[in-house]
């Protein structure tokens, strides 16, 4: 949901692709795969043949600890099954596997997130190791379903101090959003490089006969 705010990774992609295709944001703050699986047909529609790429980015909420956050928690096996179900639905509406990118949850910086929880009167309700298990499950689903995957949990931790990628220990900071955008673009650029521009550059329009250029 926050990907289109200033500096967000969705906004970055939209700016890069403005002359080639629309970038549609259907992220919903706080949702998990159990809920997303139910609403995906409403979000995507009955035919998505013209869709050039879809990202599925879940796990941070699913991996919440069941005893402390039962509303958002989804068991690991169900999380994997839900991801598979969403991929299968996309394929059923003509989005082929090579156009689907699964994104693992980012790592959790526990000390910062604990402070955020305590400020709301709650206990620490997530663990980075648990989030990592969900990230690994996401990677396995991508392998089994023949889709691309962006293992954000692993990539962000290659930099030992990954706290700068997170604004509160859980959600992406502007730096984290830039990191995700760059990683995604390296994958999307290959898929979308052949897309034609929707309309010609203004200098290429015949001003004496614009209909010839634009219709």
C-alpha atoms as a PDB file:
ATOM      1  CA  UNK A   1       0.000   0.000   0.000  1.00  0.00           C
ATOM      2  CA  UNK A   2       2.855   2.380   0.783  1.00  0.00           C
ATOM      3  CA  UNK A   3       4.727   1.669  -2.434  1.00  0.00           C
ATOM      4  CA  UNK A   4       3.306   4.740  -4.188  1.00  0.00           C
ATOM      5  CA  UNK A   5       4.237   7.227  -1.481  1.00  0.00           C
ATOM      6  CA  UNK A   6       7.117   9.604  -2.151  1.00  0.00           C
ATOM      7  CA  UNK A   7      10.233   7.531  -2.799  1.00  0.00           C
ATOM      8  CA  UNK A   8       8.227   4.307  -2.904  1.00  0.00           C
ATOM      9  CA  UNK A   9       9.269   1.393  -5.091  1.00  0.00           C
ATOM     10  CA  UNK A  10       5.951   1.357  -6.940  1.00  0.00           C
ATOM     11  CA  UNK A  11       6.305   5.032  -7.777  1.00  0.00           C
ATOM     12  CA  UNK A  12       9.836   4.347  -9.013  1.00  0.00           C
ATOM     13  CA  UNK A  13       8.595   1.654 -11.395  1.00  0.00           C
ATOM     14  CA  UNK A  14       5.684   3.798 -12.567  1.00  0.00           C
ATOM     15  CA  UNK A  15       8.065   6.629 -13.432  1.00  0.00           C
ATOM     16  CA  UNK A  16      10.329   4.258 -15.363  1.00  0.00           C
ATOM     17  CA  UNK A  17       7.427   2.770 -17.317  1.00  0.00           C
ATOM     18  CA  UNK A  18       5.228   5.816 -17.803  1.00  0.00           C
ATOM     19  CA  UNK A  19       5.531   5.739 -21.613  1.00  0.00           C
ATOM     20  CA  UNK A  20       5.160   1.970 -21.893  1.00  0.00           C
ATOM     21  CA  UNK A  21       2.527   0.639 -19.505  1.00  0.00           C
ATOM     22  CA  UNK A  22       0.497   1.422 -16.389  1.00  0.00           C
ATOM     23  CA  UNK A  23       1.770   0.283 -12.991  1.00  0.00           C
ATOM     24  CA  UNK A  24      -1.254  -0.682 -10.899  1.00  0.00           C
ATOM     25  CA  UNK A  25      -0.936  -0.815  -7.111  1.00  0.00           C
ATOM     26  CA  UNK A  26      -3.168  -3.329  -5.362  1.00  0.00           C
ATOM     27  CA  UNK A  27      -1.214  -3.579  -2.129  1.00  0.00           C
ATOM     28  CA  UNK A  28      -3.280  -3.507   1.060  1.00  0.00           C
ATOM     29  CA  UNK A  29      -1.663  -2.659   4.383  1.00  0.00           C
ATOM     30  CA  UNK A  30      -1.920  -5.379   6.995  1.00  0.00           C
ATOM     31  CA  UNK A  31      -3.234  -8.098   4.680  1.00  0.00           C
ATOM     32  CA  UNK A  32      -1.954 -11.657   4.620  1.00  0.00           C
ATOM     33  CA  UNK A  33      -2.082 -14.366   1.945  1.00  0.00           C
ATOM     34  CA  UNK A  34      -5.263 -15.886   3.387  1.00  0.00           C
ATOM     35  CA  UNK A  35      -7.153 -12.693   2.625  1.00  0.00           C
ATOM     36  CA  UNK A  36      -5.265 -11.883  -0.580  1.00  0.00           C
ATOM     37  CA  UNK A  37      -6.115 -15.250  -2.096  1.00  0.00           C
ATOM     38  CA  UNK A  38      -9.816 -14.490  -1.663  1.00  0.00           C
ATOM     39  CA  UNK A  39      -9.747 -11.040  -3.254  1.00  0.00           C
ATOM     40  CA  UNK A  40      -7.243 -11.681  -6.050  1.00  0.00           C
ATOM     41  CA  UNK A  41      -9.920 -12.441  -8.689  1.00  0.00           C
ATOM     42  CA  UNK A  42     -11.556  -9.090  -7.898  1.00  0.00           C
ATOM     43  CA  UNK A  43      -8.231  -7.274  -8.170  1.00  0.00           C
ATOM     44  CA  UNK A  44      -7.043  -8.917 -11.391  1.00  0.00           C
ATOM     45  CA  UNK A  45     -10.245  -9.694 -13.275  1.00  0.00           C
ATOM     46  CA  UNK A  46     -11.248 -12.480 -15.617  1.00  0.00           C
ATOM     47  CA  UNK A  47      -8.584 -11.851 -18.237  1.00  0.00           C
ATOM     48  CA  UNK A  48      -5.132 -10.423 -17.740  1.00  0.00           C
ATOM     49  CA  UNK A  49      -3.559 -11.390 -21.044  1.00  0.00           C
ATOM     50  CA  UNK A  50      -2.217  -7.865 -21.571  1.00  0.00           C
ATOM     51  CA  UNK A  51      -0.532  -7.853 -18.148  1.00  0.00           C
ATOM     52  CA  UNK A  52       3.223  -7.766 -18.632  1.00  0.00           C
ATOM     53  CA  UNK A  53       4.244  -8.520 -15.028  1.00  0.00           C
ATOM     54  CA  UNK A  54       2.731  -9.192 -11.613  1.00  0.00           C
ATOM     55  CA  UNK A  55       4.514  -9.027  -8.265  1.00  0.00           C
ATOM     56  CA  UNK A  56       3.227 -10.940  -5.231  1.00  0.00           C
ATOM     57  CA  UNK A  57       4.738  -9.567  -2.024  1.00  0.00           C
ATOM     58  CA  UNK A  58       3.543 -11.263   1.178  1.00  0.00           C
ATOM     59  CA  UNK A  59       4.981 -12.848   4.293  1.00  0.00           C
ATOM     60  CA  UNK A  60       5.678 -10.097   6.803  1.00  0.00           C
ATOM     61  CA  UNK A  61       2.153 -10.348   8.210  1.00  0.00           C
ATOM     62  CA  UNK A  62       1.715 -14.088   7.697  1.00  0.00           C
ATOM     63  CA  UNK A  63       4.844 -14.710   9.764  1.00  0.00           C
ATOM     64  CA  UNK A  64       3.562 -12.796  12.798  1.00  0.00           C
ATOM     65  CA  UNK A  65       3.631 -14.969  15.930  1.00  0.00           C
ATOM     66  CA  UNK A  66       0.337 -16.793  16.363  1.00  0.00           C
ATOM     67  CA  UNK A  67       0.032 -16.320  20.120  1.00  0.00           C
ATOM     68  CA  UNK A  68       0.723 -12.580  19.950  1.00  0.00           C
ATOM     69  CA  UNK A  69      -0.858 -11.665  16.611  1.00  0.00           C
ATOM     70  CA  UNK A  70      -3.458 -14.319  15.708  1.00  0.00           C
ATOM     71  CA  UNK A  71      -5.374 -12.011  13.364  1.00  0.00           C
ATOM     72  CA  UNK A  72      -2.559 -11.655  10.841  1.00  0.00           C
ATOM     73  CA  UNK A  73      -0.722 -14.944  11.432  1.00  0.00           C
ATOM     74  CA  UNK A  74      -0.977 -17.636   8.762  1.00  0.00           C
ATOM     75  CA  UNK A  75       0.727 -21.017   9.353  1.00  0.00           C
ATOM     76  CA  UNK A  76       3.778 -21.641   7.197  1.00  0.00           C
ATOM     77  CA  UNK A  77       2.296 -24.488   5.139  1.00  0.00           C
ATOM     78  CA  UNK A  78      -0.883 -22.513   4.469  1.00  0.00           C
ATOM     79  CA  UNK A  79       1.193 -19.487   3.464  1.00  0.00           C
ATOM     80  CA  UNK A  80       2.973 -21.576   0.830  1.00  0.00           C
ATOM     81  CA  UNK A  81      -0.315 -23.077  -0.354  1.00  0.00           C
ATOM     82  CA  UNK A  82      -1.868 -19.620  -0.628  1.00  0.00           C
ATOM     83  CA  UNK A  83       1.028 -18.366  -2.747  1.00  0.00           C
ATOM     84  CA  UNK A  84       0.652 -21.378  -5.035  1.00  0.00           C
ATOM     85  CA  UNK A  85      -3.069 -20.738  -5.291  1.00  0.00           C
ATOM     86  CA  UNK A  86      -2.485 -17.126  -6.327  1.00  0.00           C
ATOM     87  CA  UNK A  87       0.067 -18.151  -8.941  1.00  0.00           C
ATOM     88  CA  UNK A  88      -2.342 -20.770 -10.280  1.00  0.00           C
ATOM     89  CA  UNK A  89      -5.118 -18.186 -10.531  1.00  0.00           C
ATOM     90  CA  UNK A  90      -2.872 -15.786 -12.439  1.00  0.00           C
ATOM     91  CA  UNK A  91      -1.944 -18.551 -14.852  1.00  0.00           C
ATOM     92  CA  UNK A  92      -5.650 -19.336 -15.328  1.00  0.00           C
ATOM     93  CA  UNK A  93      -6.228 -15.769 -16.567  1.00  0.00           C
ATOM     94  CA  UNK A  94      -3.329 -15.953 -19.013  1.00  0.00           C
ATOM     95  CA  UNK A  95      -0.496 -14.506 -16.916  1.00  0.00           C
ATOM     96  CA  UNK A  96       2.301 -16.941 -17.668  1.00  0.00           C
ATOM     97  CA  UNK A  97       4.818 -17.975 -15.037  1.00  0.00           C
ATOM     98  CA  UNK A  98       7.625 -15.975 -16.605  1.00  0.00           C
ATOM     99  CA  UNK A  99       5.619 -12.789 -15.945  1.00  0.00           C
ATOM    100  CA  UNK A 100       5.119 -13.478 -12.232  1.00  0.00           C
ATOM    101  CA  UNK A 101       7.632 -12.357  -9.591  1.00  0.00           C
ATOM    102  CA  UNK A 102       7.267 -13.532  -6.001  1.00  0.00           C
ATOM    103  CA  UNK A 103       8.918 -11.280  -3.416  1.00  0.00           C
ATOM    104  CA  UNK A 104       9.881 -12.650  -0.019  1.00  0.00           C
ATOM    105  CA  UNK A 105       9.286 -10.592   3.101  1.00  0.00           C
ATOM    106  CA  UNK A 106      12.205  -8.367   4.069  1.00  0.00           C
ATOM    107  CA  UNK A 107      14.186  -9.180   7.200  1.00  0.00           C
ATOM    108  CA  UNK A 108      12.913  -7.971  10.576  1.00  0.00           C
ATOM    109  CA  UNK A 109      15.074  -5.736  12.754  1.00  0.00           C
ATOM    110  CA  UNK A 110      13.734  -6.979  16.065  1.00  0.00           C
ATOM    111  CA  UNK A 111      14.973  -4.272  18.438  1.00  0.00           C
ATOM    112  CA  UNK A 112      13.415  -1.465  16.402  1.00  0.00           C
ATOM    113  CA  UNK A 113      10.153  -3.335  15.886  1.00  0.00           C
ATOM    114  CA  UNK A 114       9.984  -4.193  19.584  1.00  0.00           C
ATOM    115  CA  UNK A 115      10.140  -0.476  20.377  1.00  0.00           C
ATOM    116  CA  UNK A 116       7.276   0.132  17.946  1.00  0.00           C
ATOM    117  CA  UNK A 117       5.259  -2.653  19.556  1.00  0.00           C
ATOM    118  CA  UNK A 118       5.927  -1.430  23.088  1.00  0.00           C
ATOM    119  CA  UNK A 119       4.852   2.071  22.107  1.00  0.00           C
ATOM    120  CA  UNK A 120       1.427   0.594  21.274  1.00  0.00           C
ATOM    121  CA  UNK A 121       1.325  -1.428  24.487  1.00  0.00           C
ATOM    122  CA  UNK A 122       2.131  -4.685  22.712  1.00  0.00           C
ATOM    123  CA  UNK A 123       4.919  -7.258  22.967  1.00  0.00           C
ATOM    124  CA  UNK A 124       7.340  -8.098  20.166  1.00  0.00           C
ATOM    125  CA  UNK A 125       5.077 -10.075  17.810  1.00  0.00           C
ATOM    126  CA  UNK A 126       7.529 -11.163  15.112  1.00  0.00           C
ATOM    127  CA  UNK A 127      10.973 -12.779  14.925  1.00  0.00           C
ATOM    128  CA  UNK A 128      13.456 -12.464  12.081  1.00  0.00           C
ATOM    129  CA  UNK A 129      14.244 -16.179  12.114  1.00  0.00           C
ATOM    130  CA  UNK A 130      10.544 -16.972  11.669  1.00  0.00           C
ATOM    131  CA  UNK A 131      10.264 -14.449   8.849  1.00  0.00           C
ATOM    132  CA  UNK A 132      13.219 -16.216   7.245  1.00  0.00           C
ATOM    133  CA  UNK A 133      11.310 -19.500   7.237  1.00  0.00           C
ATOM    134  CA  UNK A 134       8.498 -17.821   5.314  1.00  0.00           C
ATOM    135  CA  UNK A 135      11.023 -16.294   2.921  1.00  0.00           C
ATOM    136  CA  UNK A 136      12.472 -19.750   2.234  1.00  0.00           C
ATOM    137  CA  UNK A 137       8.969 -21.106   1.632  1.00  0.00           C
ATOM    138  CA  UNK A 138       8.336 -18.301  -0.868  1.00  0.00           C
ATOM    139  CA  UNK A 139      11.515 -19.216  -2.744  1.00  0.00           C
ATOM    140  CA  UNK A 140      10.432 -22.869  -2.861  1.00  0.00           C
ATOM    141  CA  UNK A 141       6.996 -21.947  -4.208  1.00  0.00           C
ATOM    142  CA  UNK A 142       8.590 -19.879  -6.979  1.00  0.00           C
ATOM    143  CA  UNK A 143      10.825 -22.806  -7.908  1.00  0.00           C
ATOM    144  CA  UNK A 144       7.924 -25.270  -7.895  1.00  0.00           C
ATOM    145  CA  UNK A 145       5.606 -22.971  -9.880  1.00  0.00           C
ATOM    146  CA  UNK A 146       8.170 -21.789 -12.415  1.00  0.00           C
ATOM    147  CA  UNK A 147       8.066 -18.101 -11.511  1.00  0.00           C
ATOM    148  CA  UNK A 148      10.794 -15.587 -10.824  1.00  0.00           C
ATOM    149  CA  UNK A 149      11.572 -14.706  -7.198  1.00  0.00           C
ATOM    150  CA  UNK A 150      13.206 -11.807  -5.411  1.00  0.00           C
ATOM    151  CA  UNK A 151      14.607 -13.060  -2.107  1.00  0.00           C
ATOM    152  CA  UNK A 152      14.549  -9.754  -0.292  1.00  0.00           C
ATOM    153  CA  UNK A 153      15.134 -11.366   3.114  1.00  0.00           C
ATOM    154  CA  UNK A 154      18.492 -12.786   2.013  1.00  0.00           C
ATOM    155  CA  UNK A 155      19.632  -9.923  -0.204  1.00  0.00           C
ATOM    156  CA  UNK A 156      19.080  -7.234   2.423  1.00  0.00           C
ATOM    157  CA  UNK A 157      21.058  -9.160   5.011  1.00  0.00           C
ATOM    158  CA  UNK A 158      24.122  -9.394   2.790  1.00  0.00           C
ATOM    159  CA  UNK A 159      24.695  -5.928   4.163  1.00  0.00           C
ATOM    160  CA  UNK A 160      25.241  -6.886   7.806  1.00  0.00           C
ATOM    161  CA  UNK A 161      23.544  -3.732   9.113  1.00  0.00           C
ATOM    162  CA  UNK A 162      20.250  -3.849   7.248  1.00  0.00           C
ATOM    163  CA  UNK A 163      18.431  -1.572   9.717  1.00  0.00           C
ATOM    164  CA  UNK A 164      18.667   1.379   7.319  1.00  0.00           C
ATOM    165  CA  UNK A 165      16.386  -0.504   4.921  1.00  0.00           C
ATOM    166  CA  UNK A 166      13.543  -0.430   7.477  1.00  0.00           C
ATOM    167  CA  UNK A 167      11.732   2.571   8.935  1.00  0.00           C
ATOM    168  CA  UNK A 168      10.558   0.891  12.134  1.00  0.00           C
ATOM    169  CA  UNK A 169      12.156  -2.541  11.983  1.00  0.00           C
ATOM    170  CA  UNK A 170       9.354  -3.945   9.811  1.00  0.00           C
ATOM    171  CA  UNK A 171       8.273  -1.543   7.059  1.00  0.00           C
ATOM    172  CA  UNK A 172      10.570  -0.373   4.290  1.00  0.00           C
ATOM    173  CA  UNK A 173      12.375   2.927   4.677  1.00  0.00           C
ATOM    174  CA  UNK A 174      13.063   5.116   1.617  1.00  0.00           C
ATOM    175  CA  UNK A 175      16.452   3.391   1.345  1.00  0.00           C
ATOM    176  CA  UNK A 176      14.826  -0.039   1.576  1.00  0.00           C
ATOM    177  CA  UNK A 177      12.265   0.932  -1.017  1.00  0.00           C
ATOM    178  CA  UNK A 178      15.052   2.098  -3.340  1.00  0.00           C
ATOM    179  CA  UNK A 179      16.844  -1.200  -2.792  1.00  0.00           C
ATOM    180  CA  UNK A 180      13.715  -3.181  -3.676  1.00  0.00           C
ATOM    181  CA  UNK A 181      13.054  -0.983  -6.719  1.00  0.00           C
ATOM    182  CA  UNK A 182      16.566  -1.512  -8.049  1.00  0.00           C
ATOM    183  CA  UNK A 183      16.374  -5.272  -7.521  1.00  0.00           C
ATOM    184  CA  UNK A 184      12.984  -5.460  -9.211  1.00  0.00           C
ATOM    185  CA  UNK A 185      14.041  -3.276 -12.113  1.00  0.00           C
ATOM    186  CA  UNK A 186      16.978  -5.544 -12.868  1.00  0.00           C
ATOM    187  CA  UNK A 187      14.404  -8.301 -13.447  1.00  0.00           C
ATOM    188  CA  UNK A 188      11.681  -6.233 -15.094  1.00  0.00           C
ATOM    189  CA  UNK A 189      14.023  -4.449 -17.476  1.00  0.00           C
ATOM    190  CA  UNK A 190      14.689  -7.753 -19.249  1.00  0.00           C
ATOM    191  CA  UNK A 191      10.983  -8.553 -19.461  1.00  0.00           C
ATOM    192  CA  UNK A 192       9.840  -5.097 -20.553  1.00  0.00           C
ATOM    193  CA  UNK A 193      12.685  -3.831 -22.727  1.00  0.00           C
ATOM    194  CA  UNK A 194      10.864  -4.908 -25.888  1.00  0.00           C
ATOM    195  CA  UNK A 195       7.656  -3.025 -25.043  1.00  0.00           C
ATOM    196  CA  UNK A 196       6.965  -0.236 -27.532  1.00  0.00           C
ATOM    197  CA  UNK A 197       6.201   3.281 -26.358  1.00  0.00           C
ATOM    198  CA  UNK A 198       2.472   3.876 -26.149  1.00  0.00           C
ATOM    199  CA  UNK A 199       2.748   7.132 -28.082  1.00  0.00           C
ATOM    200  CA  UNK A 200       5.606   8.851 -29.914  1.00  0.00           C
ATOM    201  CA  UNK A 201       7.978  11.314 -28.288  1.00  0.00           C
ATOM    202  CA  UNK A 202       6.675  14.834 -28.816  1.00  0.00           C
ATOM    203  CA  UNK A 203       9.516  15.810 -31.159  1.00  0.00           C
ATOM    204  CA  UNK A 204       8.525  12.920 -33.426  1.00  0.00           C
ATOM    205  CA  UNK A 205       4.933  14.109 -33.847  1.00  0.00           C
ATOM    206  CA  UNK A 206       4.220  15.699 -37.226  1.00  0.00           C
ATOM    207  CA  UNK A 207       2.808  19.038 -36.060  1.00  0.00           C
ATOM    208  CA  UNK A 208       1.426  19.784 -39.519  1.00  0.00           C
ATOM    209  CA  UNK A 209      -0.548  16.536 -39.495  1.00  0.00           C
ATOM    210  CA  UNK A 210      -0.731  15.163 -35.914  1.00  0.00           C
ATOM    211  CA  UNK A 211      -3.371  12.611 -36.896  1.00  0.00           C
ATOM    212  CA  UNK A 212      -0.747  10.789 -38.946  1.00  0.00           C
ATOM    213  CA  UNK A 213       1.412  10.352 -35.849  1.00  0.00           C
ATOM    214  CA  UNK A 214      -1.169   9.875 -33.134  1.00  0.00           C
ATOM    215  CA  UNK A 215      -4.090   7.958 -34.652  1.00  0.00           C
END
